[in-house]
């Protein structure tokens, strides 16, 4: 099942493997990140640019814990993070640094067999163009 059509609560490891098997490239609907977004200002801006790009087009998915090469997913190493803390951090960035706010963002984990996870961030389409609100912050 295509991740874009699935209820986000029902996405599983098989759906992620389909992205690799079908060589689904990064682009208008997907962004693959091997590692979680960092805490530097540049890392925060990268997350906000990725999220606002999806919201300003058709909506899309940021998949953290998916390795890629030249835009194609290659493996699913997952990440070890405190998902609750990471959700709060990313939601706070979206709330405080984008205007207008993106409504309906969902962040759900896909658990892997080794205890690692792939957080999937679903960014819905916004009907109002978003802009990055540039303020200095110590998020």
N, C-alpha and C. Protein backbone atom coordinates (compact mmCIF):
# COMPACT_ATOMS: atom_id res chain seq x y z
N UNK A 1 0.85 -1.18 0.00
CA UNK A 1 0.00 0.00 0.00
C UNK A 1 0.89 1.23 0.00
N UNK A 2 0.56 2.22 -0.79
CA UNK A 2 1.35 3.44 -0.85
C UNK A 2 1.16 4.23 0.44
N UNK A 3 2.26 4.70 1.00
CA UNK A 3 2.21 5.46 2.24
C UNK A 3 1.31 6.68 2.10
N UNK A 4 1.32 7.31 0.96
CA UNK A 4 0.53 8.52 0.78
C UNK A 4 -0.96 8.28 0.87
N UNK A 5 -1.41 7.07 0.57
CA UNK A 5 -2.84 6.76 0.63
C UNK A 5 -3.25 6.08 1.93
N UNK A 6 -2.30 5.62 2.70
CA UNK A 6 -2.61 4.85 3.90
C UNK A 6 -2.96 5.75 5.08
N UNK A 7 -3.81 5.23 5.94
CA UNK A 7 -4.02 5.85 7.23
C UNK A 7 -2.68 5.76 7.95
N UNK A 8 -2.16 6.87 8.42
CA UNK A 8 -0.81 6.89 8.98
C UNK A 8 -0.64 5.91 10.13
N UNK A 9 -1.71 5.63 10.84
CA UNK A 9 -1.63 4.69 11.96
C UNK A 9 -1.42 3.25 11.49
N UNK A 10 -1.67 2.98 10.21
CA UNK A 10 -1.55 1.62 9.68
C UNK A 10 -0.31 1.39 8.84
N UNK A 11 0.57 2.38 8.74
CA UNK A 11 1.82 2.19 8.01
C UNK A 11 2.70 1.24 8.80
N UNK A 12 3.35 0.32 8.09
CA UNK A 12 4.21 -0.63 8.80
C UNK A 12 5.53 -0.81 8.05
N UNK A 13 6.36 -1.70 8.57
CA UNK A 13 7.67 -1.95 7.99
C UNK A 13 7.57 -2.41 6.53
N UNK A 14 6.55 -3.16 6.20
CA UNK A 14 6.35 -3.59 4.82
C UNK A 14 6.18 -2.42 3.87
N UNK A 15 5.47 -1.37 4.33
CA UNK A 15 5.29 -0.18 3.49
C UNK A 15 6.63 0.52 3.25
N UNK A 16 7.47 0.56 4.28
CA UNK A 16 8.80 1.16 4.13
C UNK A 16 9.65 0.35 3.16
N UNK A 17 9.58 -0.97 3.29
CA UNK A 17 10.35 -1.84 2.39
C UNK A 17 9.90 -1.67 0.94
N UNK A 18 8.61 -1.43 0.74
CA UNK A 18 8.10 -1.17 -0.62
C UNK A 18 8.77 0.04 -1.25
N UNK A 19 9.04 1.07 -0.44
CA UNK A 19 9.71 2.26 -0.96
C UNK A 19 11.09 1.90 -1.50
N UNK A 20 11.79 1.01 -0.80
CA UNK A 20 13.12 0.57 -1.25
C UNK A 20 12.98 -0.32 -2.48
N UNK A 21 12.10 -1.32 -2.38
CA UNK A 21 11.93 -2.28 -3.48
C UNK A 21 11.51 -1.59 -4.78
N UNK A 22 10.64 -0.58 -4.66
CA UNK A 22 10.13 0.13 -5.84
C UNK A 22 10.98 1.33 -6.22
N UNK A 23 12.09 1.55 -5.49
CA UNK A 23 13.01 2.65 -5.77
C UNK A 23 12.27 3.99 -5.86
N UNK A 24 11.47 4.27 -4.82
CA UNK A 24 10.70 5.51 -4.78
C UNK A 24 11.64 6.64 -4.34
N UNK A 25 11.89 7.55 -5.26
CA UNK A 25 12.85 8.63 -5.03
C UNK A 25 12.28 9.74 -4.15
N UNK A 26 13.22 10.43 -3.49
CA UNK A 26 12.83 11.65 -2.79
C UNK A 26 12.27 12.62 -3.81
N UNK A 27 11.44 13.49 -3.36
CA UNK A 27 10.87 14.47 -4.27
C UNK A 27 9.67 15.14 -3.66
N UNK A 28 8.64 15.27 -4.44
CA UNK A 28 7.46 16.02 -4.02
C UNK A 28 6.71 15.37 -2.86
N UNK A 29 6.85 14.06 -2.66
CA UNK A 29 6.08 13.37 -1.61
C UNK A 29 6.92 12.76 -0.49
N UNK A 30 8.23 12.59 -0.71
CA UNK A 30 9.05 11.90 0.28
C UNK A 30 10.37 12.61 0.51
N UNK A 31 10.81 12.58 1.77
CA UNK A 31 12.15 13.03 2.15
C UNK A 31 12.70 11.97 3.10
N UNK A 32 13.88 11.42 2.76
CA UNK A 32 14.50 10.40 3.59
C UNK A 32 15.62 11.02 4.41
N UNK A 33 15.66 10.70 5.68
CA UNK A 33 16.70 11.19 6.58
C UNK A 33 17.29 10.01 7.33
N UNK A 34 18.57 9.80 7.20
CA UNK A 34 19.23 8.70 7.92
C UNK A 34 19.20 8.97 9.42
N UNK A 35 19.46 10.22 9.80
CA UNK A 35 19.56 10.60 11.21
C UNK A 35 18.51 11.66 11.55
N UNK A 36 18.15 11.76 12.82
CA UNK A 36 17.20 12.81 13.22
C UNK A 36 17.78 14.20 12.92
N UNK A 37 16.89 15.16 12.78
CA UNK A 37 17.32 16.54 12.60
C UNK A 37 18.08 16.97 13.85
N UNK A 38 19.18 17.67 13.65
CA UNK A 38 19.99 18.13 14.77
C UNK A 38 19.38 19.34 15.46
N UNK A 39 20.14 19.90 16.37
CA UNK A 39 19.65 21.01 17.19
C UNK A 39 20.29 22.35 16.84
N UNK A 40 21.14 22.37 15.81
CA UNK A 40 21.72 23.65 15.41
C UNK A 40 20.67 24.46 14.64
N UNK A 41 20.91 25.75 14.51
CA UNK A 41 19.97 26.59 13.75
C UNK A 41 19.84 26.11 12.31
N UNK A 42 20.95 25.68 11.70
CA UNK A 42 20.89 25.18 10.32
C UNK A 42 20.05 23.91 10.23
N UNK A 43 20.18 23.02 11.22
CA UNK A 43 19.39 21.79 11.23
C UNK A 43 17.90 22.10 11.38
N UNK A 44 17.59 23.04 12.25
CA UNK A 44 16.19 23.43 12.45
C UNK A 44 15.61 24.04 11.18
N UNK A 45 16.40 24.88 10.52
CA UNK A 45 15.94 25.49 9.27
C UNK A 45 15.72 24.42 8.20
N UNK A 46 16.59 23.41 8.17
CA UNK A 46 16.42 22.33 7.20
C UNK A 46 15.09 21.62 7.42
N UNK A 47 14.76 21.31 8.67
CA UNK A 47 13.48 20.67 8.97
C UNK A 47 12.32 21.56 8.54
N UNK A 48 12.39 22.83 8.87
CA UNK A 48 11.30 23.75 8.54
C UNK A 48 11.16 23.93 7.03
N UNK A 49 12.27 23.96 6.31
CA UNK A 49 12.20 24.04 4.85
C UNK A 49 11.57 22.78 4.26
N UNK A 50 11.98 21.62 4.78
CA UNK A 50 11.39 20.37 4.29
C UNK A 50 9.88 20.35 4.54
N UNK A 51 9.47 20.71 5.76
CA UNK A 51 8.05 20.69 6.12
C UNK A 51 7.26 21.71 5.31
N UNK A 52 7.77 22.93 5.18
CA UNK A 52 7.02 23.95 4.45
C UNK A 52 6.96 23.64 2.96
N UNK A 53 7.99 23.00 2.41
CA UNK A 53 7.96 22.62 0.99
C UNK A 53 6.82 21.64 0.74
N UNK A 54 6.68 20.65 1.62
CA UNK A 54 5.58 19.70 1.46
C UNK A 54 4.23 20.39 1.62
N UNK A 55 4.11 21.23 2.65
CA UNK A 55 2.83 21.91 2.90
C UNK A 55 2.45 22.83 1.75
N UNK A 56 3.43 23.44 1.11
CA UNK A 56 3.16 24.38 0.02
C UNK A 56 2.90 23.68 -1.32
N UNK A 57 3.05 22.36 -1.35
CA UNK A 57 2.76 21.62 -2.58
C UNK A 57 1.61 20.65 -2.32
N UNK A 58 1.88 19.37 -2.36
CA UNK A 58 0.81 18.37 -2.23
C UNK A 58 0.76 17.70 -0.86
N UNK A 59 1.62 18.13 0.07
CA UNK A 59 1.77 17.40 1.32
C UNK A 59 2.81 16.31 1.09
N UNK A 60 3.33 15.73 2.16
CA UNK A 60 4.33 14.69 1.98
C UNK A 60 4.76 14.08 3.29
N UNK A 61 5.81 13.27 3.22
CA UNK A 61 6.29 12.50 4.36
C UNK A 61 7.79 12.66 4.53
N UNK A 62 8.19 12.92 5.77
CA UNK A 62 9.60 12.90 6.14
C UNK A 62 9.80 11.60 6.90
N UNK A 63 10.68 10.76 6.40
CA UNK A 63 10.93 9.45 7.02
C UNK A 63 12.33 9.47 7.63
N UNK A 64 12.38 9.49 8.95
CA UNK A 64 13.65 9.56 9.67
C UNK A 64 14.10 8.14 10.02
N UNK A 65 15.34 7.82 9.66
CA UNK A 65 15.84 6.47 9.90
C UNK A 65 15.87 5.64 8.63
N UNK A 66 15.76 6.32 7.49
CA UNK A 66 15.84 5.66 6.18
C UNK A 66 17.10 6.18 5.50
N UNK A 67 18.04 5.29 5.22
CA UNK A 67 19.26 5.68 4.51
C UNK A 67 18.93 5.82 3.03
N UNK A 68 19.62 6.77 2.38
CA UNK A 68 19.40 6.97 0.94
C UNK A 68 20.73 7.25 0.26
N UNK A 69 20.73 7.00 -1.02
CA UNK A 69 21.88 7.33 -1.86
C UNK A 69 21.33 7.93 -3.14
N UNK A 70 21.76 9.16 -3.41
CA UNK A 70 21.31 9.88 -4.59
C UNK A 70 19.79 9.96 -4.66
N UNK A 71 19.18 10.13 -3.49
CA UNK A 71 17.73 10.32 -3.42
C UNK A 71 16.90 9.05 -3.40
N UNK A 72 17.55 7.89 -3.49
CA UNK A 72 16.82 6.62 -3.47
C UNK A 72 17.04 5.93 -2.13
N UNK A 73 15.97 5.41 -1.53
CA UNK A 73 16.13 4.73 -0.24
C UNK A 73 16.90 3.43 -0.43
N UNK A 74 17.84 3.18 0.50
CA UNK A 74 18.69 1.99 0.36
C UNK A 74 18.53 0.99 1.51
N UNK A 75 18.21 1.49 2.71
CA UNK A 75 18.06 0.59 3.85
C UNK A 75 17.25 1.28 4.95
N UNK A 76 16.88 0.49 5.95
CA UNK A 76 16.05 0.98 7.04
C UNK A 76 16.78 0.74 8.36
N UNK A 77 17.80 1.56 8.66
CA UNK A 77 18.51 1.35 9.92
C UNK A 77 17.72 1.82 11.14
N UNK A 78 16.78 2.74 10.95
CA UNK A 78 16.04 3.29 12.07
C UNK A 78 16.91 4.18 12.93
N UNK A 79 16.32 4.72 13.97
CA UNK A 79 17.02 5.60 14.90
C UNK A 79 16.63 5.24 16.33
N UNK A 80 17.49 5.61 17.25
CA UNK A 80 17.19 5.46 18.67
C UNK A 80 16.98 6.85 19.25
N UNK A 81 15.72 7.22 19.48
CA UNK A 81 15.41 8.52 20.04
C UNK A 81 14.24 8.38 21.01
N UNK A 82 14.11 9.37 21.86
CA UNK A 82 12.93 9.48 22.72
C UNK A 82 11.86 10.11 21.84
N UNK A 83 10.94 9.30 21.36
CA UNK A 83 9.96 9.78 20.39
C UNK A 83 9.09 10.90 20.96
N UNK A 84 8.66 10.80 22.19
CA UNK A 84 7.82 11.84 22.77
C UNK A 84 8.56 13.18 22.80
N UNK A 85 9.80 13.16 23.21
CA UNK A 85 10.59 14.39 23.26
C UNK A 85 10.81 14.96 21.85
N UNK A 86 11.10 14.09 20.90
CA UNK A 86 11.34 14.54 19.53
C UNK A 86 10.05 15.11 18.91
N UNK A 87 8.92 14.47 19.17
CA UNK A 87 7.65 15.00 18.66
C UNK A 87 7.39 16.40 19.20
N UNK A 88 7.59 16.59 20.49
CA UNK A 88 7.40 17.90 21.10
C UNK A 88 8.32 18.95 20.49
N UNK A 89 9.57 18.57 20.26
CA UNK A 89 10.55 19.50 19.69
C UNK A 89 10.16 19.91 18.26
N UNK A 90 9.83 18.93 17.43
CA UNK A 90 9.47 19.24 16.05
C UNK A 90 8.16 20.02 15.97
N UNK A 91 7.17 19.62 16.76
CA UNK A 91 5.89 20.34 16.78
C UNK A 91 6.08 21.78 17.24
N UNK A 92 6.96 22.00 18.20
CA UNK A 92 7.25 23.34 18.68
C UNK A 92 7.90 24.19 17.58
N UNK A 93 8.83 23.60 16.84
CA UNK A 93 9.45 24.33 15.73
C UNK A 93 8.40 24.73 14.70
N UNK A 94 7.54 23.79 14.35
CA UNK A 94 6.49 24.08 13.36
C UNK A 94 5.56 25.18 13.86
N UNK A 95 5.20 25.11 15.11
CA UNK A 95 4.26 26.07 15.69
C UNK A 95 4.88 27.47 15.79
N UNK A 96 6.14 27.54 16.20
CA UNK A 96 6.76 28.82 16.50
C UNK A 96 7.47 29.47 15.33
N UNK A 97 7.79 28.70 14.30
CA UNK A 97 8.64 29.24 13.25
C UNK A 97 8.02 29.28 11.86
N UNK A 98 6.79 28.82 11.70
CA UNK A 98 6.14 28.90 10.39
C UNK A 98 4.86 29.70 10.51
N UNK A 99 4.60 30.50 9.50
CA UNK A 99 3.36 31.26 9.43
C UNK A 99 2.76 31.06 8.06
N UNK A 100 1.48 30.77 7.95
CA UNK A 100 0.59 30.35 9.02
C UNK A 100 0.96 28.93 9.48
N UNK A 101 0.40 28.52 10.56
CA UNK A 101 0.71 27.20 11.10
C UNK A 101 0.21 26.09 10.17
N UNK A 102 0.93 24.99 10.18
CA UNK A 102 0.48 23.81 9.44
C UNK A 102 -0.43 23.03 10.39
N UNK A 103 -1.65 22.83 9.99
CA UNK A 103 -2.59 22.08 10.80
C UNK A 103 -2.63 20.62 10.36
N UNK A 104 -2.68 19.71 11.33
CA UNK A 104 -2.84 18.30 11.01
C UNK A 104 -1.56 17.52 10.82
N UNK A 105 -0.42 18.06 11.26
CA UNK A 105 0.83 17.30 11.17
C UNK A 105 0.74 16.10 12.10
N UNK A 106 1.17 14.96 11.62
CA UNK A 106 1.16 13.72 12.43
C UNK A 106 2.56 13.15 12.44
N UNK A 107 2.98 12.67 13.58
CA UNK A 107 4.27 12.01 13.73
C UNK A 107 4.03 10.68 14.42
N UNK A 108 4.31 9.60 13.70
CA UNK A 108 4.09 8.26 14.27
C UNK A 108 5.34 7.41 14.05
N UNK A 109 5.62 6.51 15.01
CA UNK A 109 6.77 5.64 14.84
C UNK A 109 6.40 4.33 14.18
N UNK A 110 7.33 3.82 13.41
CA UNK A 110 7.24 2.45 12.93
C UNK A 110 8.35 1.70 13.65
N UNK A 111 7.97 0.74 14.46
CA UNK A 111 8.93 0.00 15.26
C UNK A 111 9.61 -1.06 14.42
N UNK A 112 10.92 -1.18 14.61
CA UNK A 112 11.71 -2.21 13.94
C UNK A 112 11.97 -3.35 14.93
N UNK A 113 12.43 -4.46 14.43
CA UNK A 113 12.63 -5.64 15.28
C UNK A 113 13.73 -5.45 16.32
N UNK A 114 14.70 -4.58 16.06
CA UNK A 114 15.84 -4.42 16.97
C UNK A 114 15.62 -3.33 18.02
N UNK A 115 14.40 -2.83 18.14
CA UNK A 115 14.10 -1.79 19.12
C UNK A 115 14.27 -0.38 18.58
N UNK A 116 14.81 -0.25 17.39
CA UNK A 116 14.93 1.07 16.77
C UNK A 116 13.60 1.41 16.12
N UNK A 117 13.49 2.66 15.65
CA UNK A 117 12.23 3.12 15.05
C UNK A 117 12.49 3.97 13.82
N UNK A 118 11.44 4.11 13.04
CA UNK A 118 11.42 5.07 11.94
C UNK A 118 10.25 6.01 12.20
N UNK A 119 10.55 7.22 12.70
CA UNK A 119 9.47 8.20 12.84
C UNK A 119 9.05 8.70 11.45
N UNK A 120 7.75 8.67 11.21
CA UNK A 120 7.20 9.17 9.96
C UNK A 120 6.45 10.46 10.28
N UNK A 121 6.87 11.53 9.62
CA UNK A 121 6.24 12.83 9.82
C UNK A 121 5.38 13.10 8.59
N UNK A 122 4.06 13.11 8.79
CA UNK A 122 3.15 13.40 7.68
C UNK A 122 2.79 14.88 7.72
N UNK A 123 3.13 15.57 6.65
CA UNK A 123 2.84 17.00 6.51
C UNK A 123 1.69 17.14 5.53
N UNK A 124 0.54 17.65 5.98
CA UNK A 124 -0.57 17.83 5.05
C UNK A 124 -0.37 19.06 4.17
N UNK A 125 -1.10 19.09 3.10
CA UNK A 125 -1.08 20.26 2.22
C UNK A 125 -1.73 21.43 2.93
N UNK A 126 -1.12 22.59 2.80
CA UNK A 126 -1.70 23.81 3.35
C UNK A 126 -2.35 24.57 2.20
N UNK A 127 -3.46 25.15 2.48
CA UNK A 127 -4.15 25.91 1.44
C UNK A 127 -3.73 27.37 1.44
N UNK A 128 -2.87 27.73 2.38
CA UNK A 128 -2.29 29.08 2.43
C UNK A 128 -0.78 28.93 2.39
N UNK A 129 -0.10 29.65 1.51
CA UNK A 129 1.37 29.52 1.42
C UNK A 129 2.03 29.81 2.76
N UNK A 130 3.02 28.98 3.09
CA UNK A 130 3.75 29.12 4.35
C UNK A 130 5.07 29.83 4.13
N UNK A 131 5.48 30.53 5.14
CA UNK A 131 6.79 31.17 5.12
C UNK A 131 7.52 30.84 6.40
N UNK A 132 8.82 30.68 6.28
CA UNK A 132 9.65 30.44 7.45
C UNK A 132 9.76 31.74 8.22
N UNK A 133 9.42 31.70 9.50
CA UNK A 133 9.50 32.87 10.35
C UNK A 133 10.88 32.89 10.95
N UNK A 134 11.71 33.79 10.46
CA UNK A 134 13.11 33.82 10.87
C UNK A 134 13.28 34.60 12.16
N UNK A 135 13.43 33.88 13.23
CA UNK A 135 13.75 34.51 14.50
C UNK A 135 14.82 33.67 15.15
N UNK A 136 15.63 34.29 15.92
CA UNK A 136 16.64 33.50 16.62
C UNK A 136 15.98 32.90 17.84
N UNK A 137 16.36 31.68 18.11
CA UNK A 137 15.73 30.95 19.19
C UNK A 137 16.70 29.96 19.77
N UNK A 138 16.42 29.54 20.96
CA UNK A 138 17.26 28.51 21.59
C UNK A 138 16.43 27.27 21.81
N UNK A 139 15.68 26.85 20.79
CA UNK A 139 14.82 25.67 20.87
C UNK A 139 15.63 24.44 21.17
